[in-house]
Amino acid sequence: MLIWVTLFITIAIGLFWYARHQPFPEHGNIAASIFLLTALVLYMALEAPRPTAGTLPGSPVPPVLAIILGGWFTIIGGYHMGRTQRDVIVAPFSGIILVSGIFGLVTLDWTLQTTTEQIGNFILASVFVLLEIYLLFRGLVVGIQGITWSKSGLRQLERGLIMGDRGAISHFERSWDMEDPALSAMAHAALALIYKFNDDTENYEIHANRLDRFGGWGSVDSSWLDAISTRLQGNANLESDE
C-alpha cells in the first residue's frame, strides 16, 4: 500500500512542478490535486487502527483505483494534447499511474494464472507501455506548441496580466514558431501593440522591425490585431474606472 501512496504523491508533485511552466496550468493542478487527495486517503486507510480489505497485502483496491483515476485523466489529458492543445503534461503523468495500475492488477495472482492468461496480460500491459512511451515523447519531448502560448497570452491580456513571468508579454515571447511564419508574425504584432500601448518606444520598434521580416502589419490577420487592441483598450478602461 505504501508504494501506491508514494506513487500518487510523486506524480502529484511532478504535475504541480511542471504545471507552473505551462500556458494553462489549471489542468495540471487539478489532476495533481486529485492524485494528492487519493494518496492522502490511501495513507489514512493504511494508518487506520483497524485494517480494511483495501489495505491488506494483495488487495486489488489500489491498482483498480490507479487504473480508474489514471485512465480518466489520461483520456482528458489526451484530449487537451490532441484537440485543444491546452496541455501536454496531464496525459503522460496520468499514464504512469494507469500503467502502474495495470501491472499491479495483472500480477496480483500471476503464479495462479495459466500460460494463456499470462501471455494475454503481458500483451495487454505491453500495449499500454507503448502508449505511455508515445505520450511521454509527445508531451515532454515535443512539448508545447507556439499556438498554445498565443492563446494563453490572449487570455492573460484579457485578465489584465501584462507584465511578469505569467503576464501576456512573457507568453507571447514564447509563441513564435520557426516552422510557422504566420504565428511568429502574430506574436511580434501582439508584442508591438502591447509595448506601444505602454509607451515603450524602444521595444515597440524592436518587434515592429522583426514583424517587417515576416511581411509587416499586412501579413497579420486584422481580427488578431483587433483582438489585441480591444483587450488593451478594455484594460485601459478598467484602470480609468478605478
C-alpha atoms as a PDB file:
ATOM      1  CA  MET A   1       0.000   0.000   0.000  1.00  0.00           C
ATOM      2  CA  LEU A   2       2.791   2.419   0.885  1.00  0.00           C
ATOM      3  CA  ILE A   3       4.254   2.143  -2.602  1.00  0.00           C
ATOM      4  CA  TRP A   4       0.935   3.305  -4.074  1.00  0.00           C
ATOM      5  CA  VAL A   5       0.854   6.271  -1.703  1.00  0.00           C
ATOM      6  CA  THR A   6       4.384   7.152  -2.795  1.00  0.00           C
ATOM      7  CA  LEU A   7       3.452   6.804  -6.465  1.00  0.00           C
ATOM      8  CA  PHE A   8       0.442   9.119  -6.231  1.00  0.00           C
ATOM      9  CA  ILE A   9       2.406  11.707  -4.237  1.00  0.00           C
ATOM     10  CA  THR A  10       5.335  11.616  -6.668  1.00  0.00           C
ATOM     11  CA  ILE A  11       3.090  12.083  -9.697  1.00  0.00           C
ATOM     12  CA  ALA A  12       1.200  14.891  -7.939  1.00  0.00           C
ATOM     13  CA  ILE A  13       4.438  16.727  -7.130  1.00  0.00           C
ATOM     14  CA  GLY A  14       5.624  16.299 -10.712  1.00  0.00           C
ATOM     15  CA  LEU A  15       2.375  17.703 -12.069  1.00  0.00           C
ATOM     16  CA  PHE A  16       2.421  20.667  -9.698  1.00  0.00           C
ATOM     17  CA  TRP A  17       6.004  21.428 -10.725  1.00  0.00           C
ATOM     18  CA  TYR A  18       5.504  21.160 -14.480  1.00  0.00           C
ATOM     19  CA  ALA A  19       2.158  22.972 -14.353  1.00  0.00           C
ATOM     20  CA  ARG A  20       3.999  26.105 -13.246  1.00  0.00           C
ATOM     21  CA  HIS A  21       5.651  26.227 -16.663  1.00  0.00           C
ATOM     22  CA  GLN A  22       2.516  25.563 -18.707  1.00  0.00           C
ATOM     23  CA  PRO A  23       0.430  28.204 -20.514  1.00  0.00           C
ATOM     24  CA  PHE A  24      -2.729  26.755 -18.943  1.00  0.00           C
ATOM     25  CA  PRO A  25      -1.584  25.450 -15.530  1.00  0.00           C
ATOM     26  CA  GLU A  26      -5.061  24.708 -14.206  1.00  0.00           C
ATOM     27  CA  HIS A  27      -5.262  21.347 -15.983  1.00  0.00           C
ATOM     28  CA  GLY A  28      -2.130  20.007 -14.327  1.00  0.00           C
ATOM     29  CA  ASN A  29      -3.075  21.484 -10.958  1.00  0.00           C
ATOM     30  CA  ILE A  30      -6.495  19.813 -10.965  1.00  0.00           C
ATOM     31  CA  ALA A  31      -5.064  16.382 -11.785  1.00  0.00           C
ATOM     32  CA  ALA A  32      -2.295  16.830  -9.209  1.00  0.00           C
ATOM     33  CA  SER A  33      -4.812  17.802  -6.525  1.00  0.00           C
ATOM     34  CA  ILE A  34      -6.910  14.688  -7.195  1.00  0.00           C
ATOM     35  CA  PHE A  35      -3.856  12.423  -7.078  1.00  0.00           C
ATOM     36  CA  LEU A  36      -2.627  14.061  -3.876  1.00  0.00           C
ATOM     37  CA  LEU A  37      -6.055  13.646  -2.283  1.00  0.00           C
ATOM     38  CA  THR A  38      -6.061   9.984  -3.323  1.00  0.00           C
ATOM     39  CA  ALA A  39      -2.652   9.483  -1.724  1.00  0.00           C
ATOM     40  CA  LEU A  40      -3.938  11.087   1.480  1.00  0.00           C
ATOM     41  CA  VAL A  41      -6.975   8.789   1.581  1.00  0.00           C
ATOM     42  CA  LEU A  42      -4.823   5.706   0.990  1.00  0.00           C
ATOM     43  CA  TYR A  43      -2.399   6.782   3.700  1.00  0.00           C
ATOM     44  CA  MET A  44      -5.235   7.372   6.168  1.00  0.00           C
ATOM     45  CA  ALA A  45      -6.582   3.899   5.384  1.00  0.00           C
ATOM     46  CA  LEU A  46      -3.117   2.454   5.867  1.00  0.00           C
ATOM     47  CA  GLU A  47      -2.700   4.114   9.265  1.00  0.00           C
ATOM     48  CA  ALA A  48      -6.200   3.241  10.475  1.00  0.00           C
ATOM     49  CA  PRO A  49      -6.282   1.249  13.750  1.00  0.00           C
ATOM     50  CA  ARG A  50      -8.388  -1.438  12.110  1.00  0.00           C
ATOM     51  CA  PRO A  51      -7.057  -2.825   8.816  1.00  0.00           C
ATOM     52  CA  THR A  52      -9.519  -2.817   5.944  1.00  0.00           C
ATOM     53  CA  ALA A  53      -9.729  -5.130   2.952  1.00  0.00           C
ATOM     54  CA  GLY A  54      -8.219  -2.454   0.740  1.00  0.00           C
ATOM     55  CA  THR A  55      -5.056  -2.173   2.832  1.00  0.00           C
ATOM     56  CA  LEU A  56      -4.261  -5.867   3.080  1.00  0.00           C
ATOM     57  CA  PRO A  57      -1.377  -7.274   1.001  1.00  0.00           C
ATOM     58  CA  GLY A  58      -2.567  -8.395  -2.401  1.00  0.00           C
ATOM     59  CA  SER A  59      -5.640  -6.166  -2.335  1.00  0.00           C
ATOM     60  CA  PRO A  60      -6.871  -5.103  -5.789  1.00  0.00           C
ATOM     61  CA  VAL A  61      -8.195  -1.771  -4.484  1.00  0.00           C
ATOM     62  CA  PRO A  62      -5.062   0.392  -5.037  1.00  0.00           C
ATOM     63  CA  PRO A  63      -4.341  -0.832  -8.599  1.00  0.00           C
ATOM     64  CA  VAL A  64      -8.019  -0.564  -9.572  1.00  0.00           C
ATOM     65  CA  LEU A  65      -8.074   2.964  -8.171  1.00  0.00           C
ATOM     66  CA  ALA A  66      -4.926   3.750 -10.150  1.00  0.00           C
ATOM     67  CA  ILE A  67      -6.493   2.385 -13.338  1.00  0.00           C
ATOM     68  CA  ILE A  68      -9.693   4.402 -12.877  1.00  0.00           C
ATOM     69  CA  LEU A  69      -8.060   7.733 -11.997  1.00  0.00           C
ATOM     70  CA  GLY A  70      -5.050   7.265 -14.260  1.00  0.00           C
ATOM     71  CA  GLY A  71      -7.227   6.213 -17.180  1.00  0.00           C
ATOM     72  CA  TRP A  72      -9.675   9.070 -16.688  1.00  0.00           C
ATOM     73  CA  PHE A  73      -7.010  11.769 -16.597  1.00  0.00           C
ATOM     74  CA  THR A  74      -5.077  10.127 -19.435  1.00  0.00           C
ATOM     75  CA  ILE A  75      -8.191  10.481 -21.591  1.00  0.00           C
ATOM     76  CA  ILE A  76      -8.715  14.090 -20.503  1.00  0.00           C
ATOM     77  CA  GLY A  77      -5.043  14.906 -20.999  1.00  0.00           C
ATOM     78  CA  GLY A  78      -5.011  13.194 -24.385  1.00  0.00           C
ATOM     79  CA  TYR A  79      -7.987  15.283 -25.459  1.00  0.00           C
ATOM     80  CA  HIS A  80      -6.240  18.506 -24.480  1.00  0.00           C
ATOM     81  CA  MET A  81      -2.997  17.320 -26.063  1.00  0.00           C
ATOM     82  CA  GLY A  82      -4.548  16.408 -29.395  1.00  0.00           C
ATOM     83  CA  ARG A  83      -7.581  18.665 -29.768  1.00  0.00           C
ATOM     84  CA  THR A  84      -7.464  21.815 -27.667  1.00  0.00           C
ATOM     85  CA  GLN A  85      -3.628  21.884 -27.394  1.00  0.00           C
ATOM     86  CA  ARG A  86      -4.004  23.451 -23.960  1.00  0.00           C
ATOM     87  CA  ASP A  87      -1.986  20.880 -22.007  1.00  0.00           C
ATOM     88  CA  VAL A  88       0.787  18.342 -22.626  1.00  0.00           C
ATOM     89  CA  ILE A  89       1.636  17.043 -19.132  1.00  0.00           C
ATOM     90  CA  VAL A  90      -1.561  15.535 -17.704  1.00  0.00           C
ATOM     91  CA  ALA A  91      -1.689  12.635 -20.176  1.00  0.00           C
ATOM     92  CA  PRO A  92       1.905  11.364 -19.742  1.00  0.00           C
ATOM     93  CA  PHE A  93       1.914  11.725 -15.949  1.00  0.00           C
ATOM     94  CA  SER A  94      -1.514  10.128 -15.587  1.00  0.00           C
ATOM     95  CA  GLY A  95      -0.394   7.404 -17.974  1.00  0.00           C
ATOM     96  CA  ILE A  96       2.315   6.405 -15.499  1.00  0.00           C
ATOM     97  CA  ILE A  97      -0.357   5.797 -12.867  1.00  0.00           C
ATOM     98  CA  LEU A  98      -2.531   3.940 -15.384  1.00  0.00           C
ATOM     99  CA  VAL A  99       0.294   1.628 -16.470  1.00  0.00           C
ATOM    100  CA  SER A 100       1.312   1.028 -12.855  1.00  0.00           C
ATOM    101  CA  GLY A 101      -2.269   0.100 -12.004  1.00  0.00           C
ATOM    102  CA  ILE A 102      -2.476  -2.322 -14.929  1.00  0.00           C
ATOM    103  CA  PHE A 103       0.779  -4.025 -13.967  1.00  0.00           C
ATOM    104  CA  GLY A 104      -0.297  -4.149 -10.339  1.00  0.00           C
ATOM    105  CA  LEU A 105      -3.630  -5.730 -11.205  1.00  0.00           C
ATOM    106  CA  VAL A 106      -2.462  -8.337 -13.725  1.00  0.00           C
ATOM    107  CA  THR A 107       0.360  -9.532 -11.456  1.00  0.00           C
ATOM    108  CA  LEU A 108      -1.710  -9.968  -8.287  1.00  0.00           C
ATOM    109  CA  ASP A 109      -2.227 -13.695  -8.877  1.00  0.00           C
ATOM    110  CA  TRP A 110       0.432 -14.178 -11.534  1.00  0.00           C
ATOM    111  CA  THR A 111       1.554 -17.577 -10.267  1.00  0.00           C
ATOM    112  CA  LEU A 112      -2.015 -18.875 -10.312  1.00  0.00           C
ATOM    113  CA  GLN A 113      -2.672 -17.834 -13.903  1.00  0.00           C
ATOM    114  CA  THR A 114      -2.467 -20.175 -16.840  1.00  0.00           C
ATOM    115  CA  THR A 115       0.140 -19.650 -19.531  1.00  0.00           C
ATOM    116  CA  THR A 116      -2.504 -18.238 -21.871  1.00  0.00           C
ATOM    117  CA  GLU A 117      -3.656 -15.742 -19.242  1.00  0.00           C
ATOM    118  CA  GLN A 118      -0.089 -14.681 -18.538  1.00  0.00           C
ATOM    119  CA  ILE A 119       0.628 -14.106 -22.231  1.00  0.00           C
ATOM    120  CA  GLY A 120      -2.611 -12.162 -22.654  1.00  0.00           C
ATOM    121  CA  ASN A 121      -1.922  -9.978 -19.628  1.00  0.00           C
ATOM    122  CA  PHE A 122       1.645  -9.386 -20.791  1.00  0.00           C
ATOM    123  CA  ILE A 123       0.451  -8.271 -24.235  1.00  0.00           C
ATOM    124  CA  LEU A 124      -2.168  -6.003 -22.657  1.00  0.00           C
ATOM    125  CA  ALA A 125       0.381  -4.382 -20.361  1.00  0.00           C
ATOM    126  CA  SER A 126       2.865  -4.002 -23.229  1.00  0.00           C
ATOM    127  CA  VAL A 127       0.311  -2.148 -25.347  1.00  0.00           C
ATOM    128  CA  PHE A 128      -0.244   0.395 -22.584  1.00  0.00           C
ATOM    129  CA  VAL A 129       3.507   0.753 -22.048  1.00  0.00           C
ATOM    130  CA  LEU A 130       3.904   1.643 -25.730  1.00  0.00           C
ATOM    131  CA  LEU A 131       1.064   4.143 -25.390  1.00  0.00           C
ATOM    132  CA  GLU A 132       2.790   5.687 -22.391  1.00  0.00           C
ATOM    133  CA  ILE A 133       6.073   5.977 -24.294  1.00  0.00           C
ATOM    134  CA  TYR A 134       4.235   7.864 -27.040  1.00  0.00           C
ATOM    135  CA  LEU A 135       2.575  10.182 -24.510  1.00  0.00           C
ATOM    136  CA  LEU A 136       5.911  10.906 -22.837  1.00  0.00           C
ATOM    137  CA  PHE A 137       7.507  11.699 -26.189  1.00  0.00           C
ATOM    138  CA  ARG A 138       4.588  13.803 -27.389  1.00  0.00           C
ATOM    139  CA  GLY A 139       4.166  15.687 -24.145  1.00  0.00           C
ATOM    140  CA  LEU A 140       7.609  16.084 -22.620  1.00  0.00           C
ATOM    141  CA  VAL A 141       9.864  15.930 -25.685  1.00  0.00           C
ATOM    142  CA  VAL A 142       7.819  17.664 -28.392  1.00  0.00           C
ATOM    143  CA  GLY A 143       6.333  19.960 -25.774  1.00  0.00           C
ATOM    144  CA  ILE A 144       4.041  22.944 -26.110  1.00  0.00           C
ATOM    145  CA  GLN A 145       3.264  24.423 -29.498  1.00  0.00           C
ATOM    146  CA  GLY A 146       3.531  28.125 -30.166  1.00  0.00           C
ATOM    147  CA  ILE A 147      -0.186  28.492 -30.867  1.00  0.00           C
ATOM    148  CA  THR A 148      -0.903  27.449 -27.285  1.00  0.00           C
ATOM    149  CA  TRP A 149       1.219  30.268 -25.906  1.00  0.00           C
ATOM    150  CA  SER A 150      -0.640  32.668 -28.210  1.00  0.00           C
ATOM    151  CA  LYS A 151      -3.981  31.527 -26.801  1.00  0.00           C
ATOM    152  CA  SER A 152      -2.783  31.835 -23.225  1.00  0.00           C
ATOM    153  CA  GLY A 153      -1.218  35.227 -23.944  1.00  0.00           C
ATOM    154  CA  LEU A 154      -4.557  36.458 -25.210  1.00  0.00           C
ATOM    155  CA  ARG A 155      -6.226  35.155 -22.056  1.00  0.00           C
ATOM    156  CA  GLN A 156      -3.676  36.846 -19.802  1.00  0.00           C
ATOM    157  CA  LEU A 157      -4.188  40.067 -21.719  1.00  0.00           C
ATOM    158  CA  GLU A 158      -7.928  39.788 -21.159  1.00  0.00           C
ATOM    159  CA  ARG A 159      -7.288  39.310 -17.448  1.00  0.00           C
ATOM    160  CA  GLY A 160      -5.166  42.423 -17.341  1.00  0.00           C
ATOM    161  CA  LEU A 161      -1.968  40.478 -16.634  1.00  0.00           C
ATOM    162  CA  ILE A 162       0.634  42.019 -18.918  1.00  0.00           C
ATOM    163  CA  MET A 163       3.961  42.115 -17.101  1.00  0.00           C
ATOM    164  CA  GLY A 164       5.797  39.445 -15.127  1.00  0.00           C
ATOM    165  CA  ASP A 165       6.556  35.762 -15.620  1.00  0.00           C
ATOM    166  CA  ARG A 166       2.869  34.903 -16.031  1.00  0.00           C
ATOM    167  CA  GLY A 167       1.992  38.032 -17.982  1.00  0.00           C
ATOM    168  CA  ALA A 168       0.874  38.323 -21.587  1.00  0.00           C
ATOM    169  CA  ILE A 169       4.275  39.578 -22.748  1.00  0.00           C
ATOM    170  CA  SER A 170       6.023  36.509 -21.367  1.00  0.00           C
ATOM    171  CA  HIS A 171       3.522  34.229 -23.112  1.00  0.00           C
ATOM    172  CA  PHE A 172       3.725  35.963 -26.474  1.00  0.00           C
ATOM    173  CA  GLU A 173       7.530  35.857 -26.314  1.00  0.00           C
ATOM    174  CA  ARG A 174       7.266  32.055 -26.322  1.00  0.00           C
ATOM    175  CA  SER A 175       4.659  31.798 -29.054  1.00  0.00           C
ATOM    176  CA  TRP A 176       6.718  32.173 -32.215  1.00  0.00           C
ATOM    177  CA  ASP A 177       7.359  29.134 -34.320  1.00  0.00           C
ATOM    178  CA  MET A 178      10.253  28.638 -36.747  1.00  0.00           C
ATOM    179  CA  GLU A 179       8.068  26.388 -38.890  1.00  0.00           C
ATOM    180  CA  ASP A 180       5.085  28.753 -38.947  1.00  0.00           C
ATOM    181  CA  PRO A 181       5.991  32.310 -40.020  1.00  0.00           C
ATOM    182  CA  ALA A 182       2.379  33.441 -39.653  1.00  0.00           C
ATOM    183  CA  LEU A 183       2.415  32.522 -35.963  1.00  0.00           C
ATOM    184  CA  SER A 184       5.688  34.372 -35.448  1.00  0.00           C
ATOM    185  CA  ALA A 185       4.231  37.423 -37.168  1.00  0.00           C
ATOM    186  CA  MET A 186       1.206  37.298 -34.859  1.00  0.00           C
ATOM    187  CA  ALA A 187       3.488  37.156 -31.818  1.00  0.00           C
ATOM    188  CA  HIS A 188       5.583  40.150 -32.882  1.00  0.00           C
ATOM    189  CA  ALA A 189       2.453  42.109 -33.806  1.00  0.00           C
ATOM    190  CA  ALA A 190       0.932  41.446 -30.384  1.00  0.00           C
ATOM    191  CA  LEU A 191       4.126  42.447 -28.590  1.00  0.00           C
ATOM    192  CA  ALA A 192       4.477  45.587 -30.699  1.00  0.00           C
ATOM    193  CA  LEU A 193       0.922  46.662 -29.870  1.00  0.00           C
ATOM    194  CA  ILE A 194       1.410  45.965 -26.169  1.00  0.00           C
ATOM    195  CA  TYR A 195       4.646  47.943 -25.992  1.00  0.00           C
ATOM    196  CA  LYS A 196       3.080  50.773 -27.973  1.00  0.00           C
ATOM    197  CA  PHE A 197       0.180  50.801 -25.530  1.00  0.00           C
ATOM    198  CA  ASN A 198       2.676  51.027 -22.652  1.00  0.00           C
ATOM    199  CA  ASP A 199       4.604  53.843 -24.406  1.00  0.00           C
ATOM    200  CA  ASP A 200       7.703  51.647 -24.607  1.00  0.00           C
ATOM    201  CA  THR A 201       9.065  53.001 -27.881  1.00  0.00           C
ATOM    202  CA  GLU A 202      12.299  51.026 -27.824  1.00  0.00           C
ATOM    203  CA  ASN A 203      10.694  47.583 -27.539  1.00  0.00           C
ATOM    204  CA  TYR A 204       7.912  48.618 -29.903  1.00  0.00           C
ATOM    205  CA  GLU A 205      10.431  49.395 -32.633  1.00  0.00           C
ATOM    206  CA  ILE A 206      12.291  46.126 -31.997  1.00  0.00           C
ATOM    207  CA  HIS A 207       9.201  43.998 -32.577  1.00  0.00           C
ATOM    208  CA  ALA A 208       7.896  46.213 -35.373  1.00  0.00           C
ATOM    209  CA  ASN A 209      11.188  45.707 -37.212  1.00  0.00           C
ATOM    210  CA  ARG A 210      11.039  41.960 -36.610  1.00  0.00           C
ATOM    211  CA  LEU A 211       7.477  41.963 -37.881  1.00  0.00           C
ATOM    212  CA  ASP A 212       8.694  43.567 -41.114  1.00  0.00           C
ATOM    213  CA  ARG A 213      10.787  40.443 -41.759  1.00  0.00           C
ATOM    214  CA  PHE A 214       7.557  38.438 -41.939  1.00  0.00           C
ATOM    215  CA  GLY A 215       5.773  40.847 -44.258  1.00  0.00           C
ATOM    216  CA  GLY A 216       4.819  43.705 -41.965  1.00  0.00           C
ATOM    217  CA  TRP A 217       1.443  44.545 -40.489  1.00  0.00           C
ATOM    218  CA  GLY A 218      -0.317  43.484 -43.653  1.00  0.00           C
ATOM    219  CA  SER A 219       0.737  39.870 -43.092  1.00  0.00           C
ATOM    220  CA  VAL A 220      -1.241  39.663 -39.851  1.00  0.00           C
ATOM    221  CA  ASP A 221      -4.963  38.960 -39.865  1.00  0.00           C
ATOM    222  CA  SER A 222      -6.927  42.053 -38.916  1.00  0.00           C
ATOM    223  CA  SER A 223      -9.079  40.059 -36.482  1.00  0.00           C
ATOM    224  CA  TRP A 224      -5.953  39.240 -34.441  1.00  0.00           C
ATOM    225  CA  LEU A 225      -4.924  42.892 -34.302  1.00  0.00           C
ATOM    226  CA  ASP A 226      -8.467  43.856 -33.316  1.00  0.00           C
ATOM    227  CA  ALA A 227      -8.492  41.227 -30.556  1.00  0.00           C
ATOM    228  CA  ILE A 228      -5.246  42.563 -29.068  1.00  0.00           C
ATOM    229  CA  SER A 229      -6.321  46.203 -29.359  1.00  0.00           C
ATOM    230  CA  THR A 230      -9.747  45.515 -27.867  1.00  0.00           C
ATOM    231  CA  ARG A 231      -8.276  43.823 -24.807  1.00  0.00           C
ATOM    232  CA  LEU A 232      -5.707  46.557 -24.321  1.00  0.00           C
ATOM    233  CA  GLN A 233      -8.439  49.167 -24.516  1.00  0.00           C
ATOM    234  CA  GLY A 234     -10.514  47.167 -22.059  1.00  0.00           C
ATOM    235  CA  ASN A 235      -7.628  47.191 -19.596  1.00  0.00           C
ATOM    236  CA  ALA A 236      -7.272  50.939 -20.047  1.00  0.00           C
ATOM    237  CA  ASN A 237     -10.973  51.447 -19.334  1.00  0.00           C
ATOM    238  CA  LEU A 238     -10.754  49.351 -16.166  1.00  0.00           C
ATOM    239  CA  GLU A 239      -7.771  51.339 -14.938  1.00  0.00           C
ATOM    240  CA  SER A 240      -9.553  54.624 -15.619  1.00  0.00           C
ATOM    241  CA  ASP A 241     -12.665  53.439 -13.732  1.00  0.00           C
ATOM    242  CA  GLU A 242     -10.550  52.564 -10.716  1.00  0.00           C
END
